[in-house]
């Protein structure tokens, strides 16, 4: 793959700090959905991390995560909680002066990690969430809490649940999607992609 140039005309196939890029991992991330992410153009300015709304919770800020992808440090990326804390708000992407799309990089790495079988609380939560949506088309929060955290988690949230129910924000009974045939068609179409 020929090295692209970013809009400033600077070559995008090298690091500002002189590190060599690991094309193997970088190409994997690009193939997974980061093809427009301009990962190699990152100059490590930190603007993405400065705007990140979850930066205080992450062990690898978006800037560092992109650097680890460039260097091919897959184990550090895989073991990072940052993948699972990214809310895909796109602030990092909108602020980047070089056109790097850190949110897309994180989503691509997340997909690779899941396909490679990573198993943690976040992936478990997502799997339960999807299973319940497939089941009835609408999430029933108490059931999600019970499946994810057990009866203890449900009991710990009873007070909040009652407040939400009295305000009409949480149904005490599970609901179903109004047109299940259309929902199933949309679900089948989404699973084919």
C-alpha atoms as a PDB file:
ATOM      1  CA  UNK A   1       0.000   0.000   0.000  1.00  0.00           C
ATOM      2  CA  UNK A   2       1.452   3.339  -1.036  1.00  0.00           C
ATOM      3  CA  UNK A   3       1.919   5.880   1.712  1.00  0.00           C
ATOM      4  CA  UNK A   4      -0.761   8.535   1.662  1.00  0.00           C
ATOM      5  CA  UNK A   5      -0.138  12.147   2.423  1.00  0.00           C
ATOM      6  CA  UNK A   6      -2.254  14.094   4.831  1.00  0.00           C
ATOM      7  CA  UNK A   7      -3.746  17.418   3.816  1.00  0.00           C
ATOM      8  CA  UNK A   8      -0.617  19.312   4.997  1.00  0.00           C
ATOM      9  CA  UNK A   9       1.475  17.318   2.524  1.00  0.00           C
ATOM     10  CA  UNK A  10       3.390  15.558   5.290  1.00  0.00           C
ATOM     11  CA  UNK A  11       4.111  11.890   4.648  1.00  0.00           C
ATOM     12  CA  UNK A  12       1.819   9.736   6.724  1.00  0.00           C
ATOM     13  CA  UNK A  13       3.972   6.637   6.959  1.00  0.00           C
ATOM     14  CA  UNK A  14       6.218   7.705   9.824  1.00  0.00           C
ATOM     15  CA  UNK A  15       5.931   8.761  13.428  1.00  0.00           C
ATOM     16  CA  UNK A  16       6.925  12.173  14.665  1.00  0.00           C
ATOM     17  CA  UNK A  17       9.060  10.500  17.358  1.00  0.00           C
ATOM     18  CA  UNK A  18      10.834   8.381  14.726  1.00  0.00           C
ATOM     19  CA  UNK A  19       9.309   5.027  15.694  1.00  0.00           C
ATOM     20  CA  UNK A  20       8.723   2.509  12.964  1.00  0.00           C
ATOM     21  CA  UNK A  21       5.146   1.507  12.371  1.00  0.00           C
ATOM     22  CA  UNK A  22       3.992  -2.078  12.541  1.00  0.00           C
ATOM     23  CA  UNK A  23       2.133  -2.369   9.244  1.00  0.00           C
ATOM     24  CA  UNK A  24       0.726  -5.813  10.072  1.00  0.00           C
ATOM     25  CA  UNK A  25      -1.479  -4.659  12.937  1.00  0.00           C
ATOM     26  CA  UNK A  26      -2.118  -1.295  11.317  1.00  0.00           C
ATOM     27  CA  UNK A  27      -3.374  -2.996   8.139  1.00  0.00           C
ATOM     28  CA  UNK A  28      -5.631  -5.258  10.220  1.00  0.00           C
ATOM     29  CA  UNK A  29      -7.243  -2.227  11.865  1.00  0.00           C
ATOM     30  CA  UNK A  30      -7.600  -0.476   8.501  1.00  0.00           C
ATOM     31  CA  UNK A  31      -9.286  -3.561   7.011  1.00  0.00           C
ATOM     32  CA  UNK A  32     -11.692  -3.779   9.962  1.00  0.00           C
ATOM     33  CA  UNK A  33     -13.187  -0.373   9.313  1.00  0.00           C
ATOM     34  CA  UNK A  34     -10.503   2.158   9.929  1.00  0.00           C
ATOM     35  CA  UNK A  35      -9.674   2.680   6.245  1.00  0.00           C
ATOM     36  CA  UNK A  36     -10.542   6.396   6.476  1.00  0.00           C
ATOM     37  CA  UNK A  37      -8.975   6.847   9.893  1.00  0.00           C
ATOM     38  CA  UNK A  38      -5.586   8.163   8.661  1.00  0.00           C
ATOM     39  CA  UNK A  39      -3.933   6.366  11.584  1.00  0.00           C
ATOM     40  CA  UNK A  40      -0.454   6.861  10.184  1.00  0.00           C
ATOM     41  CA  UNK A  41      -0.964  10.646  10.062  1.00  0.00           C
ATOM     42  CA  UNK A  42      -1.171  10.951  13.855  1.00  0.00           C
ATOM     43  CA  UNK A  43       1.546  13.296  15.147  1.00  0.00           C
ATOM     44  CA  UNK A  44       0.721  12.630  18.835  1.00  0.00           C
ATOM     45  CA  UNK A  45      -0.358  16.208  19.577  1.00  0.00           C
ATOM     46  CA  UNK A  46      -2.864  15.034  22.209  1.00  0.00           C
ATOM     47  CA  UNK A  47      -5.776  17.157  21.005  1.00  0.00           C
ATOM     48  CA  UNK A  48      -7.982  14.061  20.848  1.00  0.00           C
ATOM     49  CA  UNK A  49      -7.202  13.157  24.440  1.00  0.00           C
ATOM     50  CA  UNK A  50      -7.761  16.736  25.586  1.00  0.00           C
ATOM     51  CA  UNK A  51     -11.339  16.595  24.336  1.00  0.00           C
ATOM     52  CA  UNK A  52     -12.170  13.054  25.466  1.00  0.00           C
ATOM     53  CA  UNK A  53     -15.122  13.042  27.847  1.00  0.00           C
ATOM     54  CA  UNK A  54     -13.982   9.779  29.475  1.00  0.00           C
ATOM     55  CA  UNK A  55     -10.260  10.580  29.674  1.00  0.00           C
ATOM     56  CA  UNK A  56     -10.286  10.523  33.472  1.00  0.00           C
ATOM     57  CA  UNK A  57     -11.444   6.883  33.428  1.00  0.00           C
ATOM     58  CA  UNK A  58      -9.185   5.521  30.686  1.00  0.00           C
ATOM     59  CA  UNK A  59      -5.826   3.842  31.171  1.00  0.00           C
ATOM     60  CA  UNK A  60      -4.831   4.643  27.575  1.00  0.00           C
ATOM     61  CA  UNK A  61      -6.008   7.980  26.237  1.00  0.00           C
ATOM     62  CA  UNK A  62      -7.059   8.109  22.558  1.00  0.00           C
ATOM     63  CA  UNK A  63      -3.643   9.554  21.598  1.00  0.00           C
ATOM     64  CA  UNK A  64      -1.819   6.692  23.325  1.00  0.00           C
ATOM     65  CA  UNK A  65      -4.181   4.085  21.929  1.00  0.00           C
ATOM     66  CA  UNK A  66      -3.541   5.280  18.359  1.00  0.00           C
ATOM     67  CA  UNK A  67       0.213   5.202  19.097  1.00  0.00           C
ATOM     68  CA  UNK A  68      -0.038   1.613  20.364  1.00  0.00           C
ATOM     69  CA  UNK A  69      -1.915   0.658  17.174  1.00  0.00           C
ATOM     70  CA  UNK A  70       0.795   2.318  15.074  1.00  0.00           C
ATOM     71  CA  UNK A  71       3.526   0.451  16.944  1.00  0.00           C
ATOM     72  CA  UNK A  72       1.637  -2.843  16.816  1.00  0.00           C
ATOM     73  CA  UNK A  73       1.510  -3.223  20.595  1.00  0.00           C
ATOM     74  CA  UNK A  74      -1.585  -5.396  20.435  1.00  0.00           C
ATOM     75  CA  UNK A  75      -1.356  -6.784  23.982  1.00  0.00           C
ATOM     76  CA  UNK A  76      -1.367  -3.288  25.512  1.00  0.00           C
ATOM     77  CA  UNK A  77      -4.326  -2.300  23.352  1.00  0.00           C
ATOM     78  CA  UNK A  78      -6.196  -5.538  24.046  1.00  0.00           C
ATOM     79  CA  UNK A  79      -5.748  -5.247  27.812  1.00  0.00           C
ATOM     80  CA  UNK A  80      -6.754  -1.591  27.894  1.00  0.00           C
ATOM     81  CA  UNK A  81     -10.070  -0.588  29.433  1.00  0.00           C
ATOM     82  CA  UNK A  82     -10.186   2.375  27.049  1.00  0.00           C
ATOM     83  CA  UNK A  83     -11.688   0.270  24.258  1.00  0.00           C
ATOM     84  CA  UNK A  84     -14.726  -0.386  26.386  1.00  0.00           C
ATOM     85  CA  UNK A  85     -15.050   3.120  27.856  1.00  0.00           C
ATOM     86  CA  UNK A  86     -15.156   4.957  24.525  1.00  0.00           C
ATOM     87  CA  UNK A  87     -18.674   6.270  23.944  1.00  0.00           C
ATOM     88  CA  UNK A  88     -18.035   7.042  20.250  1.00  0.00           C
ATOM     89  CA  UNK A  89     -18.991  10.677  20.832  1.00  0.00           C
ATOM     90  CA  UNK A  90     -16.578  11.664  18.000  1.00  0.00           C
ATOM     91  CA  UNK A  91     -15.103  14.654  19.875  1.00  0.00           C
ATOM     92  CA  UNK A  92     -11.602  13.235  19.348  1.00  0.00           C
ATOM     93  CA  UNK A  93     -12.269  12.865  15.643  1.00  0.00           C
ATOM     94  CA  UNK A  94     -13.746  16.347  15.215  1.00  0.00           C
ATOM     95  CA  UNK A  95     -10.779  18.010  16.941  1.00  0.00           C
ATOM     96  CA  UNK A  96      -7.937  16.207  15.188  1.00  0.00           C
ATOM     97  CA  UNK A  97      -5.860  18.642  13.080  1.00  0.00           C
ATOM     98  CA  UNK A  98      -4.517  15.794  10.887  1.00  0.00           C
ATOM     99  CA  UNK A  99      -7.769  14.030  10.027  1.00  0.00           C
ATOM    100  CA  UNK A 100      -7.140  10.988  12.232  1.00  0.00           C
ATOM    101  CA  UNK A 101     -10.367   9.361  13.412  1.00  0.00           C
ATOM    102  CA  UNK A 102      -9.555   7.865  16.827  1.00  0.00           C
ATOM    103  CA  UNK A 103     -13.170   6.823  17.484  1.00  0.00           C
ATOM    104  CA  UNK A 104     -13.151   4.724  14.289  1.00  0.00           C
ATOM    105  CA  UNK A 105      -9.802   3.215  15.278  1.00  0.00           C
ATOM    106  CA  UNK A 106     -11.205   2.228  18.676  1.00  0.00           C
ATOM    107  CA  UNK A 107     -14.322   0.681  17.101  1.00  0.00           C
ATOM    108  CA  UNK A 108     -12.194  -1.301  14.626  1.00  0.00           C
ATOM    109  CA  UNK A 109      -9.872  -2.566  17.385  1.00  0.00           C
ATOM    110  CA  UNK A 110     -12.894  -3.476  19.509  1.00  0.00           C
ATOM    111  CA  UNK A 111     -14.305  -5.591  16.659  1.00  0.00           C
ATOM    112  CA  UNK A 112     -10.959  -7.377  16.236  1.00  0.00           C
ATOM    113  CA  UNK A 113     -10.733  -8.037  19.984  1.00  0.00           C
ATOM    114  CA  UNK A 114     -14.244  -9.486  20.121  1.00  0.00           C
ATOM    115  CA  UNK A 115     -13.579 -11.690  17.093  1.00  0.00           C
ATOM    116  CA  UNK A 116     -10.375 -12.937  18.749  1.00  0.00           C
ATOM    117  CA  UNK A 117     -12.444 -13.991  21.741  1.00  0.00           C
ATOM    118  CA  UNK A 118     -11.726 -11.344  24.356  1.00  0.00           C
ATOM    119  CA  UNK A 119     -14.048 -11.874  27.273  1.00  0.00           C
ATOM    120  CA  UNK A 120     -14.562  -9.171  29.878  1.00  0.00           C
ATOM    121  CA  UNK A 121     -17.439  -7.450  31.675  1.00  0.00           C
ATOM    122  CA  UNK A 122     -18.095  -5.098  28.749  1.00  0.00           C
ATOM    123  CA  UNK A 123     -18.331  -7.822  26.122  1.00  0.00           C
ATOM    124  CA  UNK A 124     -20.479  -9.904  28.486  1.00  0.00           C
ATOM    125  CA  UNK A 125     -22.815  -6.935  29.050  1.00  0.00           C
ATOM    126  CA  UNK A 126     -23.083  -6.303  25.301  1.00  0.00           C
ATOM    127  CA  UNK A 127     -23.835  -9.959  24.573  1.00  0.00           C
ATOM    128  CA  UNK A 128     -26.599 -10.038  27.193  1.00  0.00           C
ATOM    129  CA  UNK A 129     -27.983  -6.738  25.901  1.00  0.00           C
ATOM    130  CA  UNK A 130     -28.160  -8.007  22.300  1.00  0.00           C
ATOM    131  CA  UNK A 131     -29.674 -11.327  23.406  1.00  0.00           C
ATOM    132  CA  UNK A 132     -32.476  -9.506  25.259  1.00  0.00           C
ATOM    133  CA  UNK A 133     -33.158  -7.130  22.363  1.00  0.00           C
ATOM    134  CA  UNK A 134     -33.445 -10.113  20.011  1.00  0.00           C
ATOM    135  CA  UNK A 135     -35.802 -11.782  22.470  1.00  0.00           C
ATOM    136  CA  UNK A 136     -38.528  -9.123  22.567  1.00  0.00           C
ATOM    137  CA  UNK A 137     -37.323  -6.139  20.573  1.00  0.00           C
ATOM    138  CA  UNK A 138     -37.320  -3.779  23.553  1.00  0.00           C
ATOM    139  CA  UNK A 139     -34.999  -3.858  26.519  1.00  0.00           C
ATOM    140  CA  UNK A 140     -36.458  -4.742  29.893  1.00  0.00           C
ATOM    141  CA  UNK A 141     -33.922  -3.217  32.282  1.00  0.00           C
ATOM    142  CA  UNK A 142     -34.658  -5.388  35.355  1.00  0.00           C
ATOM    143  CA  UNK A 143     -34.029  -8.513  33.279  1.00  0.00           C
ATOM    144  CA  UNK A 144     -30.745  -7.054  32.005  1.00  0.00           C
ATOM    145  CA  UNK A 145     -29.648  -6.289  35.562  1.00  0.00           C
ATOM    146  CA  UNK A 146     -30.596  -9.771  36.740  1.00  0.00           C
ATOM    147  CA  UNK A 147     -28.729 -11.530  33.901  1.00  0.00           C
ATOM    148  CA  UNK A 148     -25.668  -9.297  34.183  1.00  0.00           C
ATOM    149  CA  UNK A 149     -25.275  -8.796  37.921  1.00  0.00           C
ATOM    150  CA  UNK A 150     -27.572 -11.350  39.492  1.00  0.00           C
ATOM    151  CA  UNK A 151     -30.284 -10.840  42.055  1.00  0.00           C
ATOM    152  CA  UNK A 152     -27.905  -8.787  44.254  1.00  0.00           C
ATOM    153  CA  UNK A 153     -27.511  -6.162  41.522  1.00  0.00           C
ATOM    154  CA  UNK A 154     -31.283  -5.956  41.120  1.00  0.00           C
ATOM    155  CA  UNK A 155     -31.868  -5.567  44.836  1.00  0.00           C
ATOM    156  CA  UNK A 156     -29.205  -2.857  45.080  1.00  0.00           C
ATOM    157  CA  UNK A 157     -31.149  -0.807  42.510  1.00  0.00           C
ATOM    158  CA  UNK A 158     -34.698  -1.327  43.826  1.00  0.00           C
ATOM    159  CA  UNK A 159     -34.961   2.187  45.274  1.00  0.00           C
ATOM    160  CA  UNK A 160     -33.866   3.818  42.001  1.00  0.00           C
ATOM    161  CA  UNK A 161     -36.078   1.442  39.990  1.00  0.00           C
ATOM    162  CA  UNK A 162     -39.129   2.407  42.023  1.00  0.00           C
ATOM    163  CA  UNK A 163     -38.422   6.127  41.523  1.00  0.00           C
ATOM    164  CA  UNK A 164     -38.094   5.575  37.768  1.00  0.00           C
ATOM    165  CA  UNK A 165     -41.270   3.466  37.651  1.00  0.00           C
ATOM    166  CA  UNK A 166     -43.294   6.127  39.523  1.00  0.00           C
ATOM    167  CA  UNK A 167     -42.078   8.757  37.055  1.00  0.00           C
ATOM    168  CA  UNK A 168     -43.025   6.561  34.092  1.00  0.00           C
ATOM    169  CA  UNK A 169     -39.406   6.053  33.019  1.00  0.00           C
ATOM    170  CA  UNK A 170     -39.268   2.314  33.737  1.00  0.00           C
ATOM    171  CA  UNK A 171     -42.008  -0.188  33.139  1.00  0.00           C
ATOM    172  CA  UNK A 172     -42.530  -2.772  35.879  1.00  0.00           C
ATOM    173  CA  UNK A 173     -43.560  -5.285  33.192  1.00  0.00           C
ATOM    174  CA  UNK A 174     -41.709  -6.223  30.006  1.00  0.00           C
ATOM    175  CA  UNK A 175     -42.952  -4.618  26.798  1.00  0.00           C
ATOM    176  CA  UNK A 176     -42.801  -6.019  23.267  1.00  0.00           C
ATOM    177  CA  UNK A 177     -42.083  -4.320  19.993  1.00  0.00           C
ATOM    178  CA  UNK A 178     -45.294  -3.257  18.214  1.00  0.00           C
ATOM    179  CA  UNK A 179     -44.524  -4.802  14.829  1.00  0.00           C
ATOM    180  CA  UNK A 180     -42.399  -7.917  15.470  1.00  0.00           C
ATOM    181  CA  UNK A 181     -42.276  -8.908  11.781  1.00  0.00           C
ATOM    182  CA  UNK A 182     -40.683  -5.599  10.756  1.00  0.00           C
ATOM    183  CA  UNK A 183     -38.301  -5.767  13.698  1.00  0.00           C
ATOM    184  CA  UNK A 184     -37.225  -9.313  12.771  1.00  0.00           C
ATOM    185  CA  UNK A 185     -36.668  -8.246   9.157  1.00  0.00           C
ATOM    186  CA  UNK A 186     -34.496  -5.333  10.281  1.00  0.00           C
ATOM    187  CA  UNK A 187     -32.589  -7.603  12.665  1.00  0.00           C
ATOM    188  CA  UNK A 188     -31.950 -10.169   9.938  1.00  0.00           C
ATOM    189  CA  UNK A 189     -30.741  -7.422   7.605  1.00  0.00           C
ATOM    190  CA  UNK A 190     -28.398  -6.026  10.272  1.00  0.00           C
ATOM    191  CA  UNK A 191     -26.947  -9.474  11.030  1.00  0.00           C
ATOM    192  CA  UNK A 192     -26.115  -9.981   7.324  1.00  0.00           C
ATOM    193  CA  UNK A 193     -23.764  -6.977   7.339  1.00  0.00           C
END
